[in-house]
C-alpha atoms as a PDB file:
ATOM      1  CA  UNK A   1       0.039   0.322   0.281  1.00  0.00           C
ATOM      2  CA  UNK A   2       1.735   3.462  -0.675  1.00  0.00           C
ATOM      3  CA  UNK A   3       1.317   5.670   2.125  1.00  0.00           C
ATOM      4  CA  UNK A   4       1.856   9.709   1.927  1.00  0.00           C
ATOM      5  CA  UNK A   5       4.000  11.216   4.204  1.00  0.00           C
ATOM      6  CA  UNK A   6       3.357  14.880   5.524  1.00  0.00           C
ATOM      7  CA  UNK A   7       5.080  16.525   2.618  1.00  0.00           C
ATOM      8  CA  UNK A   8       3.023  15.236   0.050  1.00  0.00           C
ATOM      9  CA  UNK A   9      -0.405  15.577   2.453  1.00  0.00           C
ATOM     10  CA  UNK A  10       0.391  19.075   3.038  1.00  0.00           C
ATOM     11  CA  UNK A  11       1.084  19.596  -0.969  1.00  0.00           C
ATOM     12  CA  UNK A  12      -2.251  17.482  -1.737  1.00  0.00           C
ATOM     13  CA  UNK A  13      -4.091  19.892   0.118  1.00  0.00           C
ATOM     14  CA  UNK A  14      -2.583  23.331  -0.790  1.00  0.00           C
ATOM     15  CA  UNK A  15      -5.207  21.841  -3.919  1.00  0.00           C
ATOM     16  CA  UNK A  16      -8.259  20.380  -2.007  1.00  0.00           C
ATOM     17  CA  UNK A  17     -10.020  23.866  -1.858  1.00  0.00           C
ATOM     18  CA  UNK A  18      -9.476  24.142  -5.429  1.00  0.00           C
ATOM     19  CA  UNK A  19     -10.556  21.265  -6.834  1.00  0.00           C
ATOM     20  CA  UNK A  20     -12.932  21.169  -4.189  1.00  0.00           C
ATOM     21  CA  UNK A  21     -14.727  24.183  -5.396  1.00  0.00           C
ATOM     22  CA  UNK A  22     -14.545  23.030  -9.057  1.00  0.00           C
ATOM     23  CA  UNK A  23     -16.643  20.033  -8.227  1.00  0.00           C
ATOM     24  CA  UNK A  24     -19.380  21.726  -6.540  1.00  0.00           C
ATOM     25  CA  UNK A  25     -19.519  24.257  -9.257  1.00  0.00           C
ATOM     26  CA  UNK A  26     -19.733  21.344 -12.054  1.00  0.00           C
ATOM     27  CA  UNK A  27     -21.880  18.576  -9.907  1.00  0.00           C
ATOM     28  CA  UNK A  28     -25.095  20.130  -8.880  1.00  0.00           C
ATOM     29  CA  UNK A  29     -25.610  16.748  -6.964  1.00  0.00           C
ATOM     30  CA  UNK A  30     -22.370  17.560  -4.797  1.00  0.00           C
ATOM     31  CA  UNK A  31     -24.021  20.851  -4.157  1.00  0.00           C
ATOM     32  CA  UNK A  32     -26.779  19.427  -3.144  1.00  0.00           C
ATOM     33  CA  UNK A  33     -25.695  16.893  -1.176  1.00  0.00           C
ATOM     34  CA  UNK A  34     -23.374  19.787   0.488  1.00  0.00           C
ATOM     35  CA  UNK A  35     -26.587  21.564   1.639  1.00  0.00           C
ATOM     36  CA  UNK A  36     -28.257  18.900   3.281  1.00  0.00           C
ATOM     37  CA  UNK A  37     -25.528  16.977   4.952  1.00  0.00           C
ATOM     38  CA  UNK A  38     -25.403  18.907   8.381  1.00  0.00           C
ATOM     39  CA  UNK A  39     -21.345  18.243   8.135  1.00  0.00           C
ATOM     40  CA  UNK A  40     -21.291  20.457   5.611  1.00  0.00           C
ATOM     41  CA  UNK A  41     -22.697  23.431   7.623  1.00  0.00           C
ATOM     42  CA  UNK A  42     -19.894  23.089  10.008  1.00  0.00           C
ATOM     43  CA  UNK A  43     -15.916  24.513   9.217  1.00  0.00           C
ATOM     44  CA  UNK A  44     -13.971  21.657   7.393  1.00  0.00           C
ATOM     45  CA  UNK A  45     -12.129  21.413  10.981  1.00  0.00           C
ATOM     46  CA  UNK A  46     -13.867  23.088  13.798  1.00  0.00           C
ATOM     47  CA  UNK A  47     -11.266  25.392  15.797  1.00  0.00           C
ATOM     48  CA  UNK A  48     -11.886  24.366  19.505  1.00  0.00           C
ATOM     49  CA  UNK A  49     -10.629  27.229  22.469  1.00  0.00           C
ATOM     50  CA  UNK A  50     -12.978  26.778  24.918  1.00  0.00           C
ATOM     51  CA  UNK A  51     -14.232  23.476  27.395  1.00  0.00           C
ATOM     52  CA  UNK A  52     -17.778  24.504  26.154  1.00  0.00           C
ATOM     53  CA  UNK A  53     -17.013  24.399  22.738  1.00  0.00           C
ATOM     54  CA  UNK A  54     -14.899  21.014  23.038  1.00  0.00           C
ATOM     55  CA  UNK A  55     -17.975  19.758  24.776  1.00  0.00           C
ATOM     56  CA  UNK A  56     -20.825  20.848  22.310  1.00  0.00           C
ATOM     57  CA  UNK A  57     -18.606  19.542  19.219  1.00  0.00           C
ATOM     58  CA  UNK A  58     -18.660  16.095  21.317  1.00  0.00           C
ATOM     59  CA  UNK A  59     -22.183  15.854  20.973  1.00  0.00           C
ATOM     60  CA  UNK A  60     -22.393  17.586  17.499  1.00  0.00           C
ATOM     61  CA  UNK A  61     -22.390  13.582  15.520  1.00  0.00           C
ATOM     62  CA  UNK A  62     -21.915   9.870  16.126  1.00  0.00           C
ATOM     63  CA  UNK A  63     -19.023  10.073  15.499  1.00  0.00           C
ATOM     64  CA  UNK A  64     -15.867  13.243  16.629  1.00  0.00           C
ATOM     65  CA  UNK A  65     -12.496  13.291  16.064  1.00  0.00           C
ATOM     66  CA  UNK A  66     -10.599  15.886  18.444  1.00  0.00           C
ATOM     67  CA  UNK A  67      -6.919  16.687  17.630  1.00  0.00           C
ATOM     68  CA  UNK A  68      -3.850  17.975  18.923  1.00  0.00           C
ATOM     69  CA  UNK A  69      -1.690  18.509  16.553  1.00  0.00           C
ATOM     70  CA  UNK A  70       1.373  22.003  16.783  1.00  0.00           C
ATOM     71  CA  UNK A  71       3.523  21.133  13.856  1.00  0.00           C
ATOM     72  CA  UNK A  72       1.902  22.404  10.150  1.00  0.00           C
ATOM     73  CA  UNK A  73       2.599  18.938   8.801  1.00  0.00           C
ATOM     74  CA  UNK A  74       0.270  17.274  11.520  1.00  0.00           C
ATOM     75  CA  UNK A  75      -2.493  19.652  11.029  1.00  0.00           C
ATOM     76  CA  UNK A  76      -1.970  19.331   7.389  1.00  0.00           C
ATOM     77  CA  UNK A  77      -3.038  15.505   8.023  1.00  0.00           C
ATOM     78  CA  UNK A  78      -5.413  15.718   9.818  1.00  0.00           C
ATOM     79  CA  UNK A  79      -7.195  18.544   7.081  1.00  0.00           C
ATOM     80  CA  UNK A  80      -6.342  15.700   4.889  1.00  0.00           C
ATOM     81  CA  UNK A  81      -8.557  13.401   6.914  1.00  0.00           C
ATOM     82  CA  UNK A  82     -11.159  15.719   7.060  1.00  0.00           C
ATOM     83  CA  UNK A  83     -11.720  16.239   4.032  1.00  0.00           C
ATOM     84  CA  UNK A  84     -11.615  12.525   2.491  1.00  0.00           C
ATOM     85  CA  UNK A  85     -14.549  11.998   5.344  1.00  0.00           C
ATOM     86  CA  UNK A  86     -16.291  14.893   5.766  1.00  0.00           C
ATOM     87  CA  UNK A  87     -19.475  13.638   4.395  1.00  0.00           C
ATOM     88  CA  UNK A  88     -18.902  10.594   7.268  1.00  0.00           C
ATOM     89  CA  UNK A  89     -17.462  12.655  10.131  1.00  0.00           C
ATOM     90  CA  UNK A  90     -16.653  15.610  12.071  1.00  0.00           C
ATOM     91  CA  UNK A  91     -13.217  16.967  13.251  1.00  0.00           C
ATOM     92  CA  UNK A  92     -12.256  19.251  15.834  1.00  0.00           C
ATOM     93  CA  UNK A  93      -8.708  20.340  16.827  1.00  0.00           C
ATOM     94  CA  UNK A  94      -7.147  22.333  19.929  1.00  0.00           C
ATOM     95  CA  UNK A  95      -4.332  24.681  20.101  1.00  0.00           C
ATOM     96  CA  UNK A  96      -4.769  23.688  23.771  1.00  0.00           C
ATOM     97  CA  UNK A  97      -4.051  20.044  25.130  1.00  0.00           C
ATOM     98  CA  UNK A  98      -5.713  20.852  28.577  1.00  0.00           C
ATOM     99  CA  UNK A  99      -9.071  21.097  26.404  1.00  0.00           C
ATOM    100  CA  UNK A 100      -8.640  17.716  26.204  1.00  0.00           C
ATOM    101  CA  UNK A 101      -9.197  15.294  29.246  1.00  0.00           C
ATOM    102  CA  UNK A 102      -6.271  13.893  30.685  1.00  0.00           C
ATOM    103  CA  UNK A 103      -4.137  15.108  27.746  1.00  0.00           C
ATOM    104  CA  UNK A 104      -2.145  17.453  29.715  1.00  0.00           C
ATOM    105  CA  UNK A 105      -0.352  15.358  32.024  1.00  0.00           C
ATOM    106  CA  UNK A 106       2.061  14.703  29.444  1.00  0.00           C
ATOM    107  CA  UNK A 107       4.963  16.995  29.166  1.00  0.00           C
ATOM    108  CA  UNK A 108       5.917  18.075  26.361  1.00  0.00           C
ATOM    109  CA  UNK A 109       2.043  16.897  25.688  1.00  0.00           C
ATOM    110  CA  UNK A 110       2.007  14.174  23.413  1.00  0.00           C
ATOM    111  CA  UNK A 111       0.457  15.222  19.715  1.00  0.00           C
ATOM    112  CA  UNK A 112      -2.803  12.954  19.232  1.00  0.00           C
ATOM    113  CA  UNK A 113      -6.436  12.256  17.696  1.00  0.00           C
ATOM    114  CA  UNK A 114      -9.221  11.236  19.663  1.00  0.00           C
ATOM    115  CA  UNK A 115     -12.221   9.557  18.431  1.00  0.00           C
ATOM    116  CA  UNK A 116     -15.620   9.449  20.526  1.00  0.00           C
ATOM    117  CA  UNK A 117     -18.114   7.839  20.048  1.00  0.00           C
ATOM    118  CA  UNK A 118     -21.388   9.003  21.122  1.00  0.00           C
ATOM    119  CA  UNK A 119     -23.868   6.116  20.705  1.00  0.00           C
ATOM    120  CA  UNK A 120     -21.605   4.423  23.018  1.00  0.00           C
ATOM    121  CA  UNK A 121     -19.532   6.605  24.858  1.00  0.00           C
ATOM    122  CA  UNK A 122     -16.980   5.382  23.934  1.00  0.00           C
ATOM    123  CA  UNK A 123     -13.309   6.905  23.358  1.00  0.00           C
ATOM    124  CA  UNK A 124     -10.306   5.955  20.724  1.00  0.00           C
ATOM    125  CA  UNK A 125      -6.990   7.179  20.915  1.00  0.00           C
ATOM    126  CA  UNK A 126      -3.938   7.501  18.498  1.00  0.00           C
ATOM    127  CA  UNK A 127      -0.928   9.235  19.055  1.00  0.00           C
ATOM    128  CA  UNK A 128       0.578  11.343  15.916  1.00  0.00           C
ATOM    129  CA  UNK A 129       3.966   9.949  16.509  1.00  0.00           C
ATOM    130  CA  UNK A 130       4.917   7.167  17.756  1.00  0.00           C
ATOM    131  CA  UNK A 131       8.051   8.525  19.312  1.00  0.00           C
ATOM    132  CA  UNK A 132       9.562  11.984  18.513  1.00  0.00           C
ATOM    133  CA  UNK A 133      11.100  10.992  14.911  1.00  0.00           C
ATOM    134  CA  UNK A 134       8.665   8.672  13.752  1.00  0.00           C
ATOM    135  CA  UNK A 135       5.350  10.394  12.423  1.00  0.00           C
ATOM    136  CA  UNK A 136       2.274   8.795  11.392  1.00  0.00           C
ATOM    137  CA  UNK A 137       1.190   8.731   8.048  1.00  0.00           C
ATOM    138  CA  UNK A 138      -2.381   9.289   6.590  1.00  0.00           C
ATOM    139  CA  UNK A 139      -2.930   5.650   6.045  1.00  0.00           C
ATOM    140  CA  UNK A 140      -2.385   5.138   9.435  1.00  0.00           C
ATOM    141  CA  UNK A 141      -4.562   7.952  10.343  1.00  0.00           C
ATOM    142  CA  UNK A 142      -7.328   6.614   7.619  1.00  0.00           C
ATOM    143  CA  UNK A 143      -6.890   2.979   8.740  1.00  0.00           C
ATOM    144  CA  UNK A 144      -7.962   4.999  12.525  1.00  0.00           C
ATOM    145  CA  UNK A 145     -10.645   6.566  11.784  1.00  0.00           C
ATOM    146  CA  UNK A 146     -12.537   3.996   9.821  1.00  0.00           C
ATOM    147  CA  UNK A 147     -12.190   1.929  12.921  1.00  0.00           C
ATOM    148  CA  UNK A 148     -12.643   3.795  15.609  1.00  0.00           C
ATOM    149  CA  UNK A 149     -15.546   5.135  14.227  1.00  0.00           C
ATOM    150  CA  UNK A 150     -17.257   1.972  13.527  1.00  0.00           C
ATOM    151  CA  UNK A 151     -20.294   1.615  15.852  1.00  0.00           C
ATOM    152  CA  UNK A 152     -20.785  -1.515  18.286  1.00  0.00           C
ATOM    153  CA  UNK A 153     -23.626  -2.272  16.503  1.00  0.00           C
ATOM    154  CA  UNK A 154     -24.221  -0.517  13.017  1.00  0.00           C
ATOM    155  CA  UNK A 155     -26.483   0.115  10.417  1.00  0.00           C
ATOM    156  CA  UNK A 156     -25.579  -1.832   7.180  1.00  0.00           C
ATOM    157  CA  UNK A 157     -24.941   0.719   4.305  1.00  0.00           C
ATOM    158  CA  UNK A 158     -23.910   0.325   0.801  1.00  0.00           C
ATOM    159  CA  UNK A 159     -20.192   1.814   2.026  1.00  0.00           C
ATOM    160  CA  UNK A 160     -20.470   0.445   5.373  1.00  0.00           C
ATOM    161  CA  UNK A 161     -20.722  -3.280   3.690  1.00  0.00           C
ATOM    162  CA  UNK A 162     -17.566  -2.563   1.760  1.00  0.00           C
ATOM    163  CA  UNK A 163     -15.607  -1.152   4.514  1.00  0.00           C
ATOM    164  CA  UNK A 164     -16.993  -4.740   6.971  1.00  0.00           C
ATOM    165  CA  UNK A 165     -15.771  -6.666   4.553  1.00  0.00           C
ATOM    166  CA  UNK A 166     -12.912  -4.983   3.898  1.00  0.00           C
ATOM    167  CA  UNK A 167     -11.917  -5.882   7.682  1.00  0.00           C
ATOM    168  CA  UNK A 168     -12.193  -9.318   7.378  1.00  0.00           C
ATOM    169  CA  UNK A 169     -14.075 -10.186  10.640  1.00  0.00           C
ATOM    170  CA  UNK A 170     -16.684 -12.588  10.685  1.00  0.00           C
ATOM    171  CA  UNK A 171     -19.730 -10.528  10.046  1.00  0.00           C
ATOM    172  CA  UNK A 172     -23.212 -10.801  12.335  1.00  0.00           C
ATOM    173  CA  UNK A 173     -26.399  -9.690   9.975  1.00  0.00           C
ATOM    174  CA  UNK A 174     -29.531  -8.629  11.695  1.00  0.00           C
ATOM    175  CA  UNK A 175     -32.511  -8.066   9.676  1.00  0.00           C
ATOM    176  CA  UNK A 176     -35.319  -6.216  10.379  1.00  0.00           C
ATOM    177  CA  UNK A 177     -37.830  -4.711   8.643  1.00  0.00           C
ATOM    178  CA  UNK A 178     -38.655  -1.800  10.649  1.00  0.00           C
ATOM    179  CA  UNK A 179     -36.239   1.764  12.000  1.00  0.00           C
ATOM    180  CA  UNK A 180     -37.737   1.062  15.196  1.00  0.00           C
ATOM    181  CA  UNK A 181     -37.159  -2.578  14.900  1.00  0.00           C
ATOM    182  CA  UNK A 182     -33.762  -2.118  14.170  1.00  0.00           C
ATOM    183  CA  UNK A 183     -32.977   0.473  16.935  1.00  0.00           C
ATOM    184  CA  UNK A 184     -34.208  -1.488  19.274  1.00  0.00           C
ATOM    185  CA  UNK A 185     -31.778  -4.758  18.819  1.00  0.00           C
ATOM    186  CA  UNK A 186     -29.295  -2.191  18.717  1.00  0.00           C
ATOM    187  CA  UNK A 187     -30.242  -1.328  22.041  1.00  0.00           C
ATOM    188  CA  UNK A 188     -31.120  -4.490  23.452  1.00  0.00           C
ATOM    189  CA  UNK A 189     -28.039  -6.381  22.186  1.00  0.00           C
ATOM    190  CA  UNK A 190     -25.270  -3.671  22.811  1.00  0.00           C
ATOM    191  CA  UNK A 191     -24.181  -5.073  26.218  1.00  0.00           C
ATOM    192  CA  UNK A 192     -23.759  -8.268  24.241  1.00  0.00           C
ATOM    193  CA  UNK A 193     -21.952  -6.791  21.508  1.00  0.00           C
ATOM    194  CA  UNK A 194     -19.426  -4.945  23.267  1.00  0.00           C
ATOM    195  CA  UNK A 195     -17.562  -8.065  24.520  1.00  0.00           C
ATOM    196  CA  UNK A 196     -17.409  -9.132  20.452  1.00  0.00           C
ATOM    197  CA  UNK A 197     -16.560  -5.657  18.764  1.00  0.00           C
ATOM    198  CA  UNK A 198     -12.743  -6.489  18.179  1.00  0.00           C
ATOM    199  CA  UNK A 199     -13.686  -9.859  17.358  1.00  0.00           C
ATOM    200  CA  UNK A 200     -16.979  -9.357  15.074  1.00  0.00           C
ATOM    201  CA  UNK A 201     -18.639  -6.608  12.523  1.00  0.00           C
ATOM    202  CA  UNK A 202     -22.277  -6.314  13.802  1.00  0.00           C
ATOM    203  CA  UNK A 203     -24.476  -4.759  11.911  1.00  0.00           C
ATOM    204  CA  UNK A 204     -28.949  -4.392  11.648  1.00  0.00           C
ATOM    205  CA  UNK A 205     -30.011  -4.664   7.911  1.00  0.00           C
ATOM    206  CA  UNK A 206     -33.162  -3.140   6.343  1.00  0.00           C
ATOM    207  CA  UNK A 207     -33.791  -6.339   4.369  1.00  0.00           C
ATOM    208  CA  UNK A 208     -35.583  -3.637   1.609  1.00  0.00           C
ATOM    209  CA  UNK A 209     -32.025  -2.124   1.532  1.00  0.00           C
ATOM    210  CA  UNK A 210     -30.674  -5.393   0.843  1.00  0.00           C
ATOM    211  CA  UNK A 211     -33.186  -7.434  -1.009  1.00  0.00           C
ATOM    212  CA  UNK A 212     -30.482  -9.762  -2.623  1.00  0.00           C
ATOM    213  CA  UNK A 213     -28.264 -10.505   0.795  1.00  0.00           C
ATOM    214  CA  UNK A 214     -30.896 -12.431   3.153  1.00  0.00           C
ATOM    215  CA  UNK A 215     -31.140 -15.333   0.337  1.00  0.00           C
ATOM    216  CA  UNK A 216     -27.291 -15.179   0.253  1.00  0.00           C
ATOM    217  CA  UNK A 217     -26.880 -16.031   3.572  1.00  0.00           C
ATOM    218  CA  UNK A 218     -29.733 -19.089   3.651  1.00  0.00           C
ATOM    219  CA  UNK A 219     -32.647 -16.855   5.178  1.00  0.00           C
ATOM    220  CA  UNK A 220     -35.318 -16.776   2.433  1.00  0.00           C
ATOM    221  CA  UNK A 221     -36.075 -20.710   1.612  1.00  0.00           C
ATOM    222  CA  UNK A 222     -39.736 -21.472   0.108  1.00  0.00           C
ATOM    223  CA  UNK A 223     -40.438 -22.737   3.507  1.00  0.00           C
ATOM    224  CA  UNK A 224     -44.004 -20.726   4.927  1.00  0.00           C
ATOM    225  CA  UNK A 225     -42.367 -17.986   7.667  1.00  0.00           C
ATOM    226  CA  UNK A 226     -39.681 -17.492   5.952  1.00  0.00           C
ATOM    227  CA  UNK A 227     -39.819 -14.248   4.944  1.00  0.00           C
ATOM    228  CA  UNK A 228     -38.424 -11.168   6.921  1.00  0.00           C
ATOM    229  CA  UNK A 229     -41.629  -8.856   8.262  1.00  0.00           C
ATOM    230  CA  UNK A 230     -42.113  -6.796  11.190  1.00  0.00           C
ATOM    231  CA  UNK A 231     -41.809  -8.931  14.599  1.00  0.00           C
ATOM    232  CA  UNK A 232     -40.197 -11.324  12.831  1.00  0.00           C
ATOM    233  CA  UNK A 233     -35.985 -10.651  12.565  1.00  0.00           C
ATOM    234  CA  UNK A 234     -33.641 -13.038  11.232  1.00  0.00           C
ATOM    235  CA  UNK A 235     -29.593 -12.828  11.379  1.00  0.00           C
ATOM    236  CA  UNK A 236     -26.722 -15.246  10.098  1.00  0.00           C
ATOM    237  CA  UNK A 237     -23.104 -15.075  10.709  1.00  0.00           C
ATOM    238  CA  UNK A 238     -20.700 -14.959   7.826  1.00  0.00           C
ATOM    239  CA  UNK A 239     -17.285 -16.436   8.232  1.00  0.00           C
ATOM    240  CA  UNK A 240     -15.312 -14.860   6.141  1.00  0.00           C
ATOM    241  CA  UNK A 241     -12.216 -16.054   6.147  1.00  0.00           C
ATOM    242  CA  UNK A 242     -13.926 -19.655   4.873  1.00  0.00           C
ATOM    243  CA  UNK A 243     -16.620 -18.366   3.057  1.00  0.00           C
ATOM    244  CA  UNK A 244     -19.051 -20.160   5.598  1.00  0.00           C
ATOM    245  CA  UNK A 245     -22.630 -18.851   6.957  1.00  0.00           C
ATOM    246  CA  UNK A 246     -24.831 -19.916  10.064  1.00  0.00           C
ATOM    247  CA  UNK A 247     -28.190 -18.730   9.554  1.00  0.00           C
ATOM    248  CA  UNK A 248     -29.271 -17.874  13.115  1.00  0.00           C
ATOM    249  CA  UNK A 249     -32.703 -20.699  12.919  1.00  0.00           C
ATOM    250  CA  UNK A 250     -35.973 -18.880  12.510  1.00  0.00           C
ATOM    251  CA  UNK A 251     -37.743 -18.294  15.694  1.00  0.00           C
ATOM    252  CA  UNK A 252     -35.721 -18.773  18.325  1.00  0.00           C
ATOM    253  CA  UNK A 253     -35.957 -15.583  20.577  1.00  0.00           C
ATOM    254  CA  UNK A 254     -33.268 -12.590  19.056  1.00  0.00           C
ATOM    255  CA  UNK A 255     -32.313 -11.809  22.916  1.00  0.00           C
ATOM    256  CA  UNK A 256     -28.727 -11.742  24.041  1.00  0.00           C
ATOM    257  CA  UNK A 257     -28.981 -15.279  26.156  1.00  0.00           C
ATOM    258  CA  UNK A 258     -30.031 -17.112  23.010  1.00  0.00           C
ATOM    259  CA  UNK A 259     -27.628 -15.593  20.846  1.00  0.00           C
ATOM    260  CA  UNK A 260     -25.077 -16.268  23.207  1.00  0.00           C
ATOM    261  CA  UNK A 261     -26.012 -20.078  23.265  1.00  0.00           C
ATOM    262  CA  UNK A 262     -26.233 -20.147  19.701  1.00  0.00           C
ATOM    263  CA  UNK A 263     -22.643 -18.657  18.929  1.00  0.00           C
ATOM    264  CA  UNK A 264     -21.070 -21.245  21.493  1.00  0.00           C
ATOM    265  CA  UNK A 265     -22.969 -23.708  19.625  1.00  0.00           C
ATOM    266  CA  UNK A 266     -21.440 -22.241  16.661  1.00  0.00           C
ATOM    267  CA  UNK A 267     -18.027 -21.963  17.527  1.00  0.00           C
ATOM    268  CA  UNK A 268     -17.659 -25.769  19.533  1.00  0.00           C
ATOM    269  CA  UNK A 269     -18.586 -26.730  15.759  1.00  0.00           C
ATOM    270  CA  UNK A 270     -22.133 -28.207  16.986  1.00  0.00           C
ATOM    271  CA  UNK A 271     -24.168 -26.051  14.026  1.00  0.00           C
ATOM    272  CA  UNK A 272     -23.264 -26.634  10.771  1.00  0.00           C
ATOM    273  CA  UNK A 273     -23.044 -24.135   8.109  1.00  0.00           C
ATOM    274  CA  UNK A 274     -25.847 -23.757   5.379  1.00  0.00           C
ATOM    275  CA  UNK A 275     -24.908 -25.290   2.002  1.00  0.00           C
ATOM    276  CA  UNK A 276     -26.496 -23.437  -0.852  1.00  0.00           C
ATOM    277  CA  UNK A 277     -28.390 -24.839  -3.261  1.00  0.00           C
ATOM    278  CA  UNK A 278     -26.291 -26.852  -6.070  1.00  0.00           C
ATOM    279  CA  UNK A 279     -23.002 -26.999  -3.724  1.00  0.00           C
ATOM    280  CA  UNK A 280     -21.673 -30.734  -2.176  1.00  0.00           C
ATOM    281  CA  UNK A 281     -19.652 -31.058   0.950  1.00  0.00           C
ATOM    282  CA  UNK A 282     -18.433 -34.396   2.164  1.00  0.00           C
ATOM    283  CA  UNK A 283     -20.111 -35.874   5.818  1.00  0.00           C
ATOM    284  CA  UNK A 284     -16.848 -34.479   7.751  1.00  0.00           C
ATOM    285  CA  UNK A 285     -16.758 -30.883   6.266  1.00  0.00           C
ATOM    286  CA  UNK A 286     -17.607 -28.464   8.245  1.00  0.00           C
ATOM    287  CA  UNK A 287     -18.762 -26.628   5.196  1.00  0.00           C
ATOM    288  CA  UNK A 288     -19.279 -25.941   1.623  1.00  0.00           C
ATOM    289  CA  UNK A 289     -17.417 -26.054  -0.842  1.00  0.00           C
ATOM    290  CA  UNK A 290     -17.013 -23.874  -4.125  1.00  0.00           C
ATOM    291  CA  UNK A 291     -16.734 -26.628  -6.431  1.00  0.00           C
ATOM    292  CA  UNK A 292     -18.294 -29.843  -7.037  1.00  0.00           C
ATOM    293  CA  UNK A 293     -15.129 -32.107  -5.048  1.00  0.00           C
ATOM    294  CA  UNK A 294     -15.951 -31.745  -1.710  1.00  0.00           C
ATOM    295  CA  UNK A 295     -13.356 -31.339   1.063  1.00  0.00           C
ATOM    296  CA  UNK A 296     -12.725 -33.743   3.197  1.00  0.00           C
ATOM    297  CA  UNK A 297     -10.179 -32.049   5.920  1.00  0.00           C
ATOM    298  CA  UNK A 298     -11.397 -31.565   8.691  1.00  0.00           C
ATOM    299  CA  UNK A 299     -11.323 -28.332  10.352  1.00  0.00           C
ATOM    300  CA  UNK A 300     -10.514 -27.724  13.984  1.00  0.00           C
ATOM    301  CA  UNK A 301     -11.941 -25.086  16.031  1.00  0.00           C
ATOM    302  CA  UNK A 302      -8.653 -24.228  17.231  1.00  0.00           C
ATOM    303  CA  UNK A 303      -7.579 -23.486  14.165  1.00  0.00           C
ATOM    304  CA  UNK A 304     -10.588 -21.041  13.460  1.00  0.00           C
ATOM    305  CA  UNK A 305      -8.867 -16.965  14.072  1.00  0.00           C
ATOM    306  CA  UNK A 306     -10.786 -14.573  16.016  1.00  0.00           C
ATOM    307  CA  UNK A 307     -11.259 -14.273  19.829  1.00  0.00           C
ATOM    308  CA  UNK A 308     -10.493 -16.454  22.466  1.00  0.00           C
ATOM    309  CA  UNK A 309     -13.713 -17.754  24.856  1.00  0.00           C
ATOM    310  CA  UNK A 310     -13.046 -19.752  27.704  1.00  0.00           C
ATOM    311  CA  UNK A 311     -14.538 -23.121  28.085  1.00  0.00           C
ATOM    312  CA  UNK A 312     -14.336 -25.845  31.021  1.00  0.00           C
ATOM    313  CA  UNK A 313     -10.823 -24.154  32.409  1.00  0.00           C
ATOM    314  CA  UNK A 314      -9.669 -23.945  28.551  1.00  0.00           C
ATOM    315  CA  UNK A 315      -9.044 -21.130  26.045  1.00  0.00           C
ATOM    316  CA  UNK A 316     -10.511 -21.784  22.613  1.00  0.00           C
ATOM    317  CA  UNK A 317     -11.082 -20.112  19.807  1.00  0.00           C
ATOM    318  CA  UNK A 318     -14.105 -17.786  18.178  1.00  0.00           C
ATOM    319  CA  UNK A 319     -14.533 -17.250  14.771  1.00  0.00           C
END
C-alpha cells in the first residue's frame, strides 16, 4: 500500500479547496448533497478554544475526531483526513491540549487524535507520533478513523458493507423490517456486542435496502414464515475467512442469552454451516465448498481465527 508522507499531504491539501470548489460548480448533485448534510454546515475542521466548544462538538455527531496537532505537518494531516471523510464524520482541532481530558499530563504534550463515539460513549486514541522522530502517515490515520468510528452495532449501508467486508472479521447480520425494530435490537444487544466488538462486525440491516442479501445468507427459503416481516427479525453469521454461513434459527428469540448460546454452539462445531443449493459437502467437512468435489479435511476449532473464549477451564478460539 502506498503511504502518503506529511510533505505529500501538505502539498495535496493546498490544492483541495480549488479542486473541491470546481467539483461543486460542475456537479449539482454534490452541491445539493453538501447543502443537505449537516456536517457541511460546520467548518471542515472546527477550531476549539474553550471547554464549552469542546463539549458541544462531542455531541454534534455520532463519531467526532478531535486532535491536538501542534505542527503544520500534523495539522495538514488532519485537514487531509477531514476532507476525505467529511461526508461521514466531524473534526475538531485544539491549540491547548488541556482542553482534552487527561491529555495535559504529559510534558511536553503528545500530539494525538481522539475519536468519541456518542452512541456508546467510547473514546479511542491515536498518538500522531510513535516517538519523537516517527510521524504517523495518512494511511495510519485513515485506518484509525475507519476502525475507531465503527459503531458497536452499525446500521448497514452500501459504504459500510464494503468496509465491513474489507475488515475481514466474521460478520453478524441482523435483519429487521422497521427502523424502530432495528434501533430496539441495537439497544437490547449492545452490552453483548460490546464484548465482541474487536472480533466480530455486527450490523443491523433493512432487508428492503439489501433485497438479495438474505437469500445469500440462507434466510429466504420456500418454507412458509421465512419472510422477514415486522416482528420477525432474522440473522446470520458469515465467517469470511472460510466463506461459511450460519443462519440463525428462525423462531428462536433474538435476545442476548439465546444468541450467545447459539454462538457457542457454532464455535464448538455443533452447528453445521448452511449449504447453498447446488453446492456439495462431504460428511466430515464443516462447511460448503465452492466446487463439486468436496473437501474432506476436518476443521479444528483451534484453527479458526478470532477472539478467545473460556470453556471448562480451557481457552478456545472463536470465529
